């Protein structure tokens, strides 16, 4: 068995503490920012791809990216009727109807 000096033990313990702290900060930071990232990305993609006719709202979102699971409560797809009327008034291409969608709590598993 290798004998470590007091200084070597201190360096090893300090190294383990630093690595553990970096991992903890990384995981905590990812868990904090991933929901902001998802919300922003989903909202901006829907708004862009619907030409501003729709926005999306939800009460809560849970993501387990390792297992591939998603849980979302009260998902709502909300049309912008003012934008829709403006498109018709300006005689620009617009869908023939708008849909307002509300989905109750749902869970999707990626097994």
PDB file of N, CA and C in Angstrom:
ATOM      1  N   UNK A   1       0.837  -1.176   0.000  1.00  0.00           N
ATOM      2  CA  UNK A   1       0.000   0.000   0.000  1.00  0.00           C
ATOM      3  C   UNK A   1       0.884   1.243   0.000  1.00  0.00           C
ATOM      4  N   UNK A   2       0.499   2.216  -0.810  1.00  0.00           N
ATOM      5  CA  UNK A   2       1.278   3.432  -0.936  1.00  0.00           C
ATOM      6  C   UNK A   2       1.005   4.347   0.244  1.00  0.00           C
ATOM      7  N   UNK A   3       2.076   4.861   0.798  1.00  0.00           N
ATOM      8  CA  UNK A   3       1.923   5.812   1.896  1.00  0.00           C
ATOM      9  C   UNK A   3       1.983   7.221   1.319  1.00  0.00           C
ATOM     10  N   UNK A   4       1.011   8.024   1.714  1.00  0.00           N
ATOM     11  CA  UNK A   4       0.967   9.412   1.273  1.00  0.00           C
ATOM     12  C   UNK A   4       1.435  10.310   2.395  1.00  0.00           C
ATOM     13  N   UNK A   5       2.130  11.348   2.019  1.00  0.00           N
ATOM     14  CA  UNK A   5       2.526  12.343   3.008  1.00  0.00           C
ATOM     15  C   UNK A   5       1.300  13.172   3.346  1.00  0.00           C
ATOM     16  N   UNK A   6       1.408  13.933   4.409  1.00  0.00           N
ATOM     17  CA  UNK A   6       0.301  14.800   4.831  1.00  0.00           C
ATOM     18  C   UNK A   6      -0.044  15.782   3.713  1.00  0.00           C
ATOM     19  N   UNK A   7       0.956  16.306   3.079  1.00  0.00           N
ATOM     20  CA  UNK A   7       0.722  17.268   1.989  1.00  0.00           C
ATOM     21  C   UNK A   7      -0.002  16.594   0.820  1.00  0.00           C
ATOM     22  N   UNK A   8       0.407  15.387   0.465  1.00  0.00           N
ATOM     23  CA  UNK A   8      -0.232  14.664  -0.639  1.00  0.00           C
ATOM     24  C   UNK A   8      -1.698  14.352  -0.319  1.00  0.00           C
ATOM     25  N   UNK A   9      -1.954  13.979   0.946  1.00  0.00           N
ATOM     26  CA  UNK A   9      -3.342  13.710   1.351  1.00  0.00           C
ATOM     27  C   UNK A   9      -4.190  14.966   1.258  1.00  0.00           C
ATOM     28  N   UNK A  10      -3.630  16.078   1.665  1.00  0.00           N
ATOM     29  CA  UNK A  10      -4.369  17.351   1.585  1.00  0.00           C
ATOM     30  C   UNK A  10      -4.692  17.702   0.137  1.00  0.00           C
ATOM     31  N   UNK A  11      -3.712  17.496  -0.745  1.00  0.00           N
ATOM     32  CA  UNK A  11      -3.907  17.784  -2.161  1.00  0.00           C
ATOM     33  C   UNK A  11      -4.988  16.863  -2.739  1.00  0.00           C
ATOM     34  N   UNK A  12      -4.953  15.574  -2.391  1.00  0.00           N
ATOM     35  CA  UNK A  12      -5.967  14.629  -2.862  1.00  0.00           C
ATOM     36  C   UNK A  12      -7.363  15.003  -2.359  1.00  0.00           C
ATOM     37  N   UNK A  13      -7.482  15.299  -1.082  1.00  0.00           N
ATOM     38  CA  UNK A  13      -8.775  15.676  -0.507  1.00  0.00           C
ATOM     39  C   UNK A  13      -9.279  16.965  -1.150  1.00  0.00           C
ATOM     40  N   UNK A  14      -8.396  17.929  -1.306  1.00  0.00           N
ATOM     41  CA  UNK A  14      -8.782  19.185  -1.945  1.00  0.00           C
ATOM     42  C   UNK A  14      -9.209  18.953  -3.395  1.00  0.00           C
ATOM     43  N   UNK A  15      -8.488  18.071  -4.084  1.00  0.00           N
ATOM     44  CA  UNK A  15      -8.846  17.738  -5.463  1.00  0.00           C
ATOM     45  C   UNK A  15     -10.226  17.099  -5.545  1.00  0.00           C
ATOM     46  N   UNK A  16     -10.523  16.153  -4.654  1.00  0.00           N
ATOM     47  CA  UNK A  16     -11.838  15.513  -4.631  1.00  0.00           C
ATOM     48  C   UNK A  16     -12.934  16.536  -4.312  1.00  0.00           C
ATOM     49  N   UNK A  17     -12.672  17.420  -3.384  1.00  0.00           N
ATOM     50  CA  UNK A  17     -13.655  18.448  -3.018  1.00  0.00           C
ATOM     51  C   UNK A  17     -13.922  19.366  -4.207  1.00  0.00           C
ATOM     52  N   UNK A  18     -12.880  19.767  -4.910  1.00  0.00           N
ATOM     53  CA  UNK A  18     -13.048  20.648  -6.068  1.00  0.00           C
ATOM     54  C   UNK A  18     -13.834  19.942  -7.176  1.00  0.00           C
ATOM     55  N   UNK A  19     -13.499  18.694  -7.453  1.00  0.00           N
ATOM     56  CA  UNK A  19     -14.217  17.940  -8.490  1.00  0.00           C
ATOM     57  C   UNK A  19     -15.683  17.772  -8.098  1.00  0.00           C
ATOM     58  N   UNK A  20     -15.947  17.412  -6.842  1.00  0.00           N
ATOM     59  CA  UNK A  20     -17.334  17.248  -6.374  1.00  0.00           C
ATOM     60  C   UNK A  20     -18.094  18.566  -6.463  1.00  0.00           C
ATOM     61  N   UNK A  21     -17.450  19.660  -6.111  1.00  0.00           N
ATOM     62  CA  UNK A  21     -18.098  20.975  -6.189  1.00  0.00           C
ATOM     63  C   UNK A  21     -18.403  21.351  -7.635  1.00  0.00           C
ATOM     64  N   UNK A  22     -17.474  21.093  -8.543  1.00  0.00           N
ATOM     65  CA  UNK A  22     -17.704  21.402  -9.958  1.00  0.00           C
ATOM     66  C   UNK A  22     -18.844  20.567 -10.533  1.00  0.00           C
ATOM     67  N   UNK A  23     -18.897  19.306 -10.171  1.00  0.00           N
ATOM     68  CA  UNK A  23     -19.993  18.445 -10.634  1.00  0.00           C
ATOM     69  C   UNK A  23     -21.319  18.940 -10.075  1.00  0.00           C
ATOM     70  N   UNK A  24     -21.354  19.275  -8.796  1.00  0.00           N
ATOM     71  CA  UNK A  24     -22.581  19.773  -8.170  1.00  0.00           C
ATOM     72  C   UNK A  24     -23.043  21.074  -8.812  1.00  0.00           C
ATOM     73  N   UNK A  25     -22.134  21.989  -9.031  1.00  0.00           N
ATOM     74  CA  UNK A  25     -22.480  23.262  -9.673  1.00  0.00           C
ATOM     75  C   UNK A  25     -22.957  23.025 -11.099  1.00  0.00           C
ATOM     76  N   UNK A  26     -22.293  22.133 -11.818  1.00  0.00           N
ATOM     77  CA  UNK A  26     -22.693  21.842 -13.193  1.00  0.00           C
ATOM     78  C   UNK A  26     -24.084  21.242 -13.288  1.00  0.00           C
ATOM     79  N   UNK A  27     -24.373  20.251 -12.456  1.00  0.00           N
ATOM     80  CA  UNK A  27     -25.689  19.608 -12.470  1.00  0.00           C
ATOM     81  C   UNK A  27     -26.773  20.588 -12.028  1.00  0.00           C
ATOM     82  N   UNK A  28     -26.515  21.333 -10.978  1.00  0.00           N
ATOM     83  CA  UNK A  28     -27.480  22.317 -10.494  1.00  0.00           C
ATOM     84  C   UNK A  28     -27.723  23.396 -11.542  1.00  0.00           C
ATOM     85  N   UNK A  29     -26.673  23.882 -12.147  1.00  0.00           N
ATOM     86  CA  UNK A  29     -26.811  24.903 -13.192  1.00  0.00           C
ATOM     87  C   UNK A  29     -27.589  24.390 -14.380  1.00  0.00           C
ATOM     88  N   UNK A  30     -27.302  23.175 -14.822  1.00  0.00           N
ATOM     89  CA  UNK A  30     -28.039  22.595 -15.951  1.00  0.00           C
ATOM     90  C   UNK A  30     -29.516  22.447 -15.606  1.00  0.00           C
ATOM     91  N   UNK A  31     -29.821  21.922 -14.415  1.00  0.00           N
ATOM     92  CA  UNK A  31     -31.221  21.747 -14.021  1.00  0.00           C
ATOM     93  C   UNK A  31     -31.952  23.081 -13.918  1.00  0.00           C
ATOM     94  N   UNK A  32     -31.252  24.115 -13.537  1.00  0.00           N
ATOM     95  CA  UNK A  32     -31.866  25.442 -13.435  1.00  0.00           C
ATOM     96  C   UNK A  32     -32.114  26.043 -14.820  1.00  0.00           C
ATOM     97  N   UNK A  33     -31.131  25.961 -15.698  1.00  0.00           N
ATOM     98  CA  UNK A  33     -31.224  26.634 -16.992  1.00  0.00           C
ATOM     99  C   UNK A  33     -31.935  25.820 -18.075  1.00  0.00           C
ATOM    100  N   UNK A  34     -32.025  24.502 -17.932  1.00  0.00           N
ATOM    101  CA  UNK A  34     -32.637  23.709 -19.003  1.00  0.00           C
ATOM    102  C   UNK A  34     -34.099  24.064 -19.198  1.00  0.00           C
ATOM    103  N   UNK A  35     -34.818  24.377 -18.123  1.00  0.00           N
ATOM    104  CA  UNK A  35     -36.232  24.730 -18.261  1.00  0.00           C
ATOM    105  C   UNK A  35     -36.399  26.078 -18.949  1.00  0.00           C
ATOM    106  N   UNK A  36     -35.529  27.010 -18.632  1.00  0.00           N
ATOM    107  CA  UNK A  36     -35.559  28.303 -19.337  1.00  0.00           C
ATOM    108  C   UNK A  36     -35.239  28.115 -20.818  1.00  0.00           C
ATOM    109  N   UNK A  37     -34.252  27.287 -21.100  1.00  0.00           N
ATOM    110  CA  UNK A  37     -33.848  27.018 -22.475  1.00  0.00           C
ATOM    111  C   UNK A  37     -34.985  26.349 -23.249  1.00  0.00           C
ATOM    112  N   UNK A  38     -35.598  25.331 -22.653  1.00  0.00           N
ATOM    113  CA  UNK A  38     -36.699  24.632 -23.320  1.00  0.00           C
ATOM    114  C   UNK A  38     -37.865  25.576 -23.560  1.00  0.00           C
ATOM    115  N   UNK A  39     -38.247  26.330 -22.545  1.00  0.00           N
ATOM    116  CA  UNK A  39     -39.387  27.249 -22.689  1.00  0.00           C
ATOM    117  C   UNK A  39     -39.120  28.274 -23.784  1.00  0.00           C
ATOM    118  N   UNK A  40     -37.935  28.844 -23.782  1.00  0.00           N
ATOM    119  CA  UNK A  40     -37.592  29.846 -24.795  1.00  0.00           C
ATOM    120  C   UNK A  40     -37.571  29.226 -26.184  1.00  0.00           C
ATOM    121  N   UNK A  41     -36.959  28.061 -26.314  1.00  0.00           N
ATOM    122  CA  UNK A  41     -36.823  27.418 -27.617  1.00  0.00           C
ATOM    123  C   UNK A  41     -38.182  27.015 -28.175  1.00  0.00           C
ATOM    124  N   UNK A  42     -39.021  26.389 -27.359  1.00  0.00           N
ATOM    125  CA  UNK A  42     -40.346  25.967 -27.815  1.00  0.00           C
ATOM    126  C   UNK A  42     -41.186  27.175 -28.200  1.00  0.00           C
ATOM    127  N   UNK A  43     -41.186  28.189 -27.348  1.00  0.00           N
ATOM    128  CA  UNK A  43     -41.978  29.390 -27.627  1.00  0.00           C
ATOM    129  C   UNK A  43     -41.511  30.094 -28.896  1.00  0.00           C
ATOM    130  N   UNK A  44     -40.216  30.263 -29.042  1.00  0.00           N
ATOM    131  CA  UNK A  44     -39.718  30.991 -30.206  1.00  0.00           C
ATOM    132  C   UNK A  44     -39.909  30.193 -31.495  1.00  0.00           C
ATOM    133  N   UNK A  45     -39.715  28.865 -31.447  1.00  0.00           N
ATOM    134  CA  UNK A  45     -39.929  28.045 -32.646  1.00  0.00           C
ATOM    135  C   UNK A  45     -41.398  28.049 -33.075  1.00  0.00           C
ATOM    136  N   UNK A  46     -42.305  27.923 -32.117  1.00  0.00           N
ATOM    137  CA  UNK A  46     -43.728  27.929 -32.449  1.00  0.00           C
ATOM    138  C   UNK A  46     -44.141  29.287 -33.007  1.00  0.00           C
ATOM    139  N   UNK A  47     -43.696  30.344 -32.369  1.00  0.00           N
ATOM    140  CA  UNK A  47     -44.040  31.691 -32.830  1.00  0.00           C
ATOM    141  C   UNK A  47     -43.508  31.930 -34.248  1.00  0.00           C
ATOM    142  N   UNK A  48     -42.257  31.535 -34.469  1.00  0.00           N
ATOM    143  CA  UNK A  48     -41.630  31.742 -35.780  1.00  0.00           C
ATOM    144  C   UNK A  48     -42.310  30.901 -36.855  1.00  0.00           C
ATOM    145  N   UNK A  49     -42.534  29.630 -36.572  1.00  0.00           N
ATOM    146  CA  UNK A  49     -43.088  28.729 -37.579  1.00  0.00           C
ATOM    147  C   UNK A  49     -44.579  28.938 -37.828  1.00  0.00           C
ATOM    148  N   UNK A  50     -45.258  29.613 -36.918  1.00  0.00           N
ATOM    149  CA  UNK A  50     -46.676  29.916 -37.146  1.00  0.00           C
ATOM    150  C   UNK A  50     -46.856  31.373 -37.600  1.00  0.00           C
ATOM    151  N   UNK A  51     -45.761  32.035 -37.922  1.00  0.00           N
ATOM    152  CA  UNK A  51     -45.791  33.447 -38.333  1.00  0.00           C
ATOM    153  C   UNK A  51     -46.459  34.331 -37.293  1.00  0.00           C
ATOM    154  N   UNK A  52     -46.243  34.018 -36.046  1.00  0.00           N
ATOM    155  CA  UNK A  52     -46.764  34.831 -34.957  1.00  0.00           C
ATOM    156  C   UNK A  52     -48.217  34.573 -34.619  1.00  0.00           C
ATOM    157  N   UNK A  53     -48.819  33.560 -35.204  1.00  0.00           N
ATOM    158  CA  UNK A  53     -50.231  33.293 -34.943  1.00  0.00           C
ATOM    159  C   UNK A  53     -50.472  32.528 -33.643  1.00  0.00           C
ATOM    160  N   UNK A  54     -49.469  31.834 -33.135  1.00  0.00           N
ATOM    161  CA  UNK A  54     -49.671  31.016 -31.944  1.00  0.00           C
ATOM    162  C   UNK A  54     -48.589  31.249 -30.897  1.00  0.00           C
ATOM    163  N   UNK A  55     -49.007  31.115 -29.652  1.00  0.00           N
ATOM    164  CA  UNK A  55     -48.079  31.063 -28.527  1.00  0.00           C
ATOM    165  C   UNK A  55     -48.421  29.812 -27.727  1.00  0.00           C
ATOM    166  N   UNK A  56     -47.476  29.362 -26.944  1.00  0.00           N
ATOM    167  CA  UNK A  56     -47.691  28.170 -26.123  1.00  0.00           C
ATOM    168  C   UNK A  56     -47.464  28.542 -24.663  1.00  0.00           C
ATOM    169  N   UNK A  57     -48.304  27.990 -23.798  1.00  0.00           N
ATOM    170  CA  UNK A  57     -48.173  28.188 -22.358  1.00  0.00           C
ATOM    171  C   UNK A  57     -48.368  26.849 -21.674  1.00  0.00           C
ATOM    172  N   UNK A  58     -47.768  26.693 -20.509  1.00  0.00           N
ATOM    173  CA  UNK A  58     -47.977  25.504 -19.691  1.00  0.00           C
ATOM    174  C   UNK A  58     -47.698  25.879 -18.250  1.00  0.00           C
ATOM    175  N   UNK A  59     -48.296  25.096 -17.334  1.00  0.00           N
ATOM    176  CA  UNK A  59     -48.127  25.391 -15.912  1.00  0.00           C
ATOM    177  C   UNK A  59     -46.810  24.861 -15.367  1.00  0.00           C
ATOM    178  N   UNK A  60     -46.471  23.627 -15.703  1.00  0.00           N
ATOM    179  CA  UNK A  60     -45.197  23.080 -15.233  1.00  0.00           C
ATOM    180  C   UNK A  60     -44.661  22.077 -16.239  1.00  0.00           C
ATOM    181  N   UNK A  61     -43.365  21.897 -16.180  1.00  0.00           N
ATOM    182  CA  UNK A  61     -42.665  21.008 -17.094  1.00  0.00           C
ATOM    183  C   UNK A  61     -41.579  20.275 -16.314  1.00  0.00           C
ATOM    184  N   UNK A  62     -41.535  18.953 -16.465  1.00  0.00           N
ATOM    185  CA  UNK A  62     -40.496  18.143 -15.850  1.00  0.00           C
ATOM    186  C   UNK A  62     -39.834  17.324 -16.944  1.00  0.00           C
ATOM    187  N   UNK A  63     -38.516  17.372 -17.012  1.00  0.00           N
ATOM    188  CA  UNK A  63     -37.776  16.655 -18.040  1.00  0.00           C
ATOM    189  C   UNK A  63     -36.706  15.796 -17.375  1.00  0.00           C
ATOM    190  N   UNK A  64     -36.677  14.532 -17.760  1.00  0.00           N
ATOM    191  CA  UNK A  64     -35.586  13.642 -17.362  1.00  0.00           C
ATOM    192  C   UNK A  64     -34.894  13.226 -18.653  1.00  0.00           C
ATOM    193  N   UNK A  65     -33.855  13.969 -19.014  1.00  0.00           N
ATOM    194  CA  UNK A  65     -33.206  13.741 -20.298  1.00  0.00           C
ATOM    195  C   UNK A  65     -32.466  12.408 -20.352  1.00  0.00           C
ATOM    196  N   UNK A  66     -32.087  11.854 -19.223  1.00  0.00           N
ATOM    197  CA  UNK A  66     -31.396  10.571 -19.211  1.00  0.00           C
ATOM    198  C   UNK A  66     -32.376   9.441 -19.563  1.00  0.00           C
ATOM    199  N   UNK A  67     -33.549   9.450 -18.925  1.00  0.00           N
ATOM    200  CA  UNK A  67     -34.552   8.409 -19.180  1.00  0.00           C
ATOM    201  C   UNK A  67     -35.410   8.730 -20.402  1.00  0.00           C
ATOM    202  N   UNK A  68     -35.381   9.983 -20.841  1.00  0.00           N
ATOM    203  CA  UNK A  68     -36.198  10.386 -21.978  1.00  0.00           C
ATOM    204  C   UNK A  68     -37.638  10.658 -21.601  1.00  0.00           C
ATOM    205  N   UNK A  69     -37.892  11.013 -20.347  1.00  0.00           N
ATOM    206  CA  UNK A  69     -39.252  11.248 -19.868  1.00  0.00           C
ATOM    207  C   UNK A  69     -39.586  12.734 -19.871  1.00  0.00           C
ATOM    208  N   UNK A  70     -40.861  13.025 -20.135  1.00  0.00           N
ATOM    209  CA  UNK A  70     -41.356  14.397 -20.153  1.00  0.00           C
ATOM    210  C   UNK A  70     -42.715  14.411 -19.488  1.00  0.00           C
ATOM    211  N   UNK A  71     -42.909  15.334 -18.581  1.00  0.00           N
ATOM    212  CA  UNK A  71     -44.198  15.508 -17.922  1.00  0.00           C
ATOM    213  C   UNK A  71     -44.564  16.983 -18.023  1.00  0.00           C
ATOM    214  N   UNK A  72     -45.767  17.255 -18.509  1.00  0.00           N
ATOM    215  CA  UNK A  72     -46.196  18.637 -18.702  1.00  0.00           C
ATOM    216  C   UNK A  72     -47.632  18.778 -18.226  1.00  0.00           C
ATOM    217  N   UNK A  73     -47.929  19.874 -17.546  1.00  0.00           N
ATOM    218  CA  UNK A  73     -49.291  20.085 -17.058  1.00  0.00           C
ATOM    219  C   UNK A  73     -49.911  21.312 -17.710  1.00  0.00           C
ATOM    220  N   UNK A  74     -51.141  21.125 -18.114  1.00  0.00           N
ATOM    221  CA  UNK A  74     -51.981  22.179 -18.687  1.00  0.00           C
ATOM    222  C   UNK A  74     -51.305  22.923 -19.844  1.00  0.00           C
ATOM    223  N   UNK A  75     -50.979  22.183 -20.860  1.00  0.00           N
ATOM    224  CA  UNK A  75     -50.406  22.752 -22.081  1.00  0.00           C
ATOM    225  C   UNK A  75     -51.510  23.464 -22.855  1.00  0.00           C
ATOM    226  N   UNK A  76     -51.248  24.694 -23.260  1.00  0.00           N
ATOM    227  CA  UNK A  76     -52.224  25.472 -24.006  1.00  0.00           C
ATOM    228  C   UNK A  76     -51.574  26.078 -25.249  1.00  0.00           C
ATOM    229  N   UNK A  77     -52.226  25.894 -26.371  1.00  0.00           N
ATOM    230  CA  UNK A  77     -51.833  26.516 -27.626  1.00  0.00           C
ATOM    231  C   UNK A  77     -52.828  27.637 -27.861  1.00  0.00           C
ATOM    232  N   UNK A  78     -52.339  28.870 -27.876  1.00  0.00           N
ATOM    233  CA  UNK A  78     -53.221  30.037 -27.899  1.00  0.00           C
ATOM    234  C   UNK A  78     -53.022  30.817 -29.192  1.00  0.00           C
ATOM    235  N   UNK A  79     -54.110  31.002 -29.956  1.00  0.00           N
ATOM    236  CA  UNK A  79     -53.997  31.762 -31.198  1.00  0.00           C
ATOM    237  C   UNK A  79     -54.012  33.268 -30.925  1.00  0.00           C
ATOM    238  N   UNK A  80     -53.349  34.006 -31.782  1.00  0.00           N
ATOM    239  CA  UNK A  80     -53.364  35.463 -31.722  1.00  0.00           C
ATOM    240  C   UNK A  80     -54.402  35.944 -32.731  1.00  0.00           C
ATOM    241  N   UNK A  81     -55.615  36.197 -32.242  1.00  0.00           N
ATOM    242  CA  UNK A  81     -56.715  36.559 -33.144  1.00  0.00           C
ATOM    243  C   UNK A  81     -56.509  37.929 -33.774  1.00  0.00           C
ATOM    244  N   UNK A  82     -55.836  38.821 -33.083  1.00  0.00           N
ATOM    245  CA  UNK A  82     -55.563  40.147 -33.654  1.00  0.00           C
ATOM    246  C   UNK A  82     -54.636  40.011 -34.861  1.00  0.00           C
ATOM    247  N   UNK A  83     -53.625  39.189 -34.742  1.00  0.00           N
ATOM    248  CA  UNK A  83     -52.699  38.946 -35.863  1.00  0.00           C
ATOM    249  C   UNK A  83     -53.444  38.279 -37.024  1.00  0.00           C
ATOM    250  N   UNK A  84     -54.331  37.359 -36.702  1.00  0.00           N
ATOM    251  CA  UNK A  84     -55.127  36.659 -37.714  1.00  0.00           C
ATOM    252  C   UNK A  84     -56.009  37.649 -38.486  1.00  0.00           C
ATOM    253  N   UNK A  85     -56.691  38.530 -37.756  1.00  0.00           N
ATOM    254  CA  UNK A  85     -57.536  39.559 -38.407  1.00  0.00           C
ATOM    255  C   UNK A  85     -56.688  40.490 -39.265  1.00  0.00           C
ATOM    256  N   UNK A  86     -55.509  40.847 -38.774  1.00  0.00           N
ATOM    257  CA  UNK A  86     -54.624  41.738 -39.519  1.00  0.00           C
ATOM    258  C   UNK A  86     -54.180  41.097 -40.831  1.00  0.00           C
ATOM    259  N   UNK A  87     -53.878  39.802 -40.792  1.00  0.00           N
ATOM    260  CA  UNK A  87     -53.502  39.106 -42.021  1.00  0.00           C
ATOM    261  C   UNK A  87     -54.636  39.133 -43.037  1.00  0.00           C
ATOM    262  N   UNK A  88     -55.861  38.927 -42.571  1.00  0.00           N
ATOM    263  CA  UNK A  88     -57.012  38.972 -43.476  1.00  0.00           C
ATOM    264  C   UNK A  88     -57.234  40.380 -44.026  1.00  0.00           C
ATOM    265  N   UNK A  89     -57.102  41.387 -43.181  1.00  0.00           N
ATOM    266  CA  UNK A  89     -57.298  42.772 -43.626  1.00  0.00           C
ATOM    267  C   UNK A  89     -56.241  43.181 -44.648  1.00  0.00           C
ATOM    268  N   UNK A  90     -55.011  42.704 -44.450  1.00  0.00           N
ATOM    269  CA  UNK A  90     -53.918  43.027 -45.369  1.00  0.00           C
ATOM    270  C   UNK A  90     -53.886  42.086 -46.579  1.00  0.00           C
ATOM    271  N   UNK A  91     -54.840  41.171 -46.623  1.00  0.00           N
ATOM    272  CA  UNK A  91     -54.950  40.185 -47.698  1.00  0.00           C
ATOM    273  C   UNK A  91     -53.652  39.380 -47.872  1.00  0.00           C
ATOM    274  N   UNK A  92     -53.080  39.017 -46.757  1.00  0.00           N
ATOM    275  CA  UNK A  92     -51.896  38.164 -46.755  1.00  0.00           C
ATOM    276  C   UNK A  92     -52.328  36.723 -46.505  1.00  0.00           C
ATOM    277  N   UNK A  93     -51.498  35.767 -46.895  1.00  0.00           N
ATOM    278  CA  UNK A  93     -51.859  34.363 -46.667  1.00  0.00           C
ATOM    279  C   UNK A  93     -52.087  34.087 -45.180  1.00  0.00           C
ATOM    280  N   UNK A  94     -53.215  33.440 -44.895  1.00  0.00           N
ATOM    281  CA  UNK A  94     -53.559  33.089 -43.520  1.00  0.00           C
ATOM    282  C   UNK A  94     -54.302  31.758 -43.547  1.00  0.00           C
ATOM    283  N   UNK A  95     -54.191  30.993 -42.481  1.00  0.00           N
ATOM    284  CA  UNK A  95     -54.925  29.731 -42.439  1.00  0.00           C
ATOM    285  C   UNK A  95     -56.436  29.980 -42.452  1.00  0.00           C
ATOM    286  N   UNK A  96     -57.187  28.984 -42.873  1.00  0.00           N
ATOM    287  CA  UNK A  96     -58.629  29.157 -42.950  1.00  0.00           C
ATOM    288  C   UNK A  96     -59.287  29.147 -41.579  1.00  0.00           C
ATOM    289  N   UNK A  97     -58.610  28.602 -40.577  1.00  0.00           N
ATOM    290  CA  UNK A  97     -59.148  28.630 -39.216  1.00  0.00           C
ATOM    291  C   UNK A  97     -58.015  28.623 -38.205  1.00  0.00           C
ATOM    292  N   UNK A  98     -58.345  29.077 -37.004  1.00  0.00           N
ATOM    293  CA  UNK A  98     -57.398  29.046 -35.889  1.00  0.00           C
ATOM    294  C   UNK A  98     -57.886  28.017 -34.886  1.00  0.00           C
ATOM    295  N   UNK A  99     -56.955  27.397 -34.196  1.00  0.00           N
ATOM    296  CA  UNK A  99     -57.291  26.380 -33.212  1.00  0.00           C
ATOM    297  C   UNK A  99     -56.759  26.817 -31.857  1.00  0.00           C
ATOM    298  N   UNK A 100     -57.625  26.735 -30.847  1.00  0.00           N
ATOM    299  CA  UNK A 100     -57.179  26.935 -29.475  1.00  0.00           C
ATOM    300  C   UNK A 100     -57.203  25.559 -28.824  1.00  0.00           C
ATOM    301  N   UNK A 101     -56.058  25.157 -28.297  1.00  0.00           N
ATOM    302  CA  UNK A 101     -55.910  23.793 -27.806  1.00  0.00           C
ATOM    303  C   UNK A 101     -55.509  23.818 -26.344  1.00  0.00           C
ATOM    304  N   UNK A 102     -56.143  22.969 -25.564  1.00  0.00           N
ATOM    305  CA  UNK A 102     -55.793  22.822 -24.155  1.00  0.00           C
ATOM    306  C   UNK A 102     -55.676  21.334 -23.853  1.00  0.00           C
ATOM    307  N   UNK A 103     -54.519  20.929 -23.356  1.00  0.00           N
ATOM    308  CA  UNK A 103     -54.264  19.518 -23.070  1.00  0.00           C
ATOM    309  C   UNK A 103     -54.095  19.361 -21.561  1.00  0.00           C
ATOM    310  N   UNK A 104     -54.824  18.424 -20.971  1.00  0.00           N
ATOM    311  CA  UNK A 104     -54.673  18.193 -19.528  1.00  0.00           C
ATOM    312  C   UNK A 104     -53.282  17.629 -19.210  1.00  0.00           C
ATOM    313  N   UNK A 105     -52.972  17.466 -17.947  1.00  0.00           N
ATOM    314  CA  UNK A 105     -51.648  16.927 -17.580  1.00  0.00           C
ATOM    315  C   UNK A 105     -51.329  15.651 -18.347  1.00  0.00           C
ATOM    316  N   UNK A 106     -50.088  15.571 -18.823  1.00  0.00           N
ATOM    317  CA  UNK A 106     -49.673  14.426 -19.621  1.00  0.00           C
ATOM    318  C   UNK A 106     -48.239  14.055 -19.281  1.00  0.00           C
ATOM    319  N   UNK A 107     -47.939  12.779 -19.463  1.00  0.00           N
ATOM    320  CA  UNK A 107     -46.578  12.292 -19.255  1.00  0.00           C
ATOM    321  C   UNK A 107     -46.197  11.430 -20.441  1.00  0.00           C
ATOM    322  N   UNK A 108     -44.984  11.594 -20.912  1.00  0.00           N
ATOM    323  CA  UNK A 108     -44.465  10.835 -22.043  1.00  0.00           C
ATOM    324  C   UNK A 108     -43.180  10.158 -21.585  1.00  0.00           C
ATOM    325  N   UNK A 109     -43.093   8.869 -21.843  1.00  0.00           N
ATOM    326  CA  UNK A 109     -41.942   8.104 -21.396  1.00  0.00           C
ATOM    327  C   UNK A 109     -41.158   7.594 -22.584  1.00  0.00           C
ATOM    328  N   UNK A 110     -39.857   7.757 -22.540  1.00  0.00           N
ATOM    329  CA  UNK A 110     -39.009   7.394 -23.661  1.00  0.00           C
ATOM    330  C   UNK A 110     -38.307   6.067 -23.523  1.00  0.00           C
ATOM    331  N   UNK A 111     -38.740   5.204 -22.676  1.00  0.00           N
ATOM    332  CA  UNK A 111     -38.115   3.892 -22.424  1.00  0.00           C
ATOM    333  C   UNK A 111     -37.289   3.447 -23.559  1.00  0.00           C
TER     334      UNK A 111
END
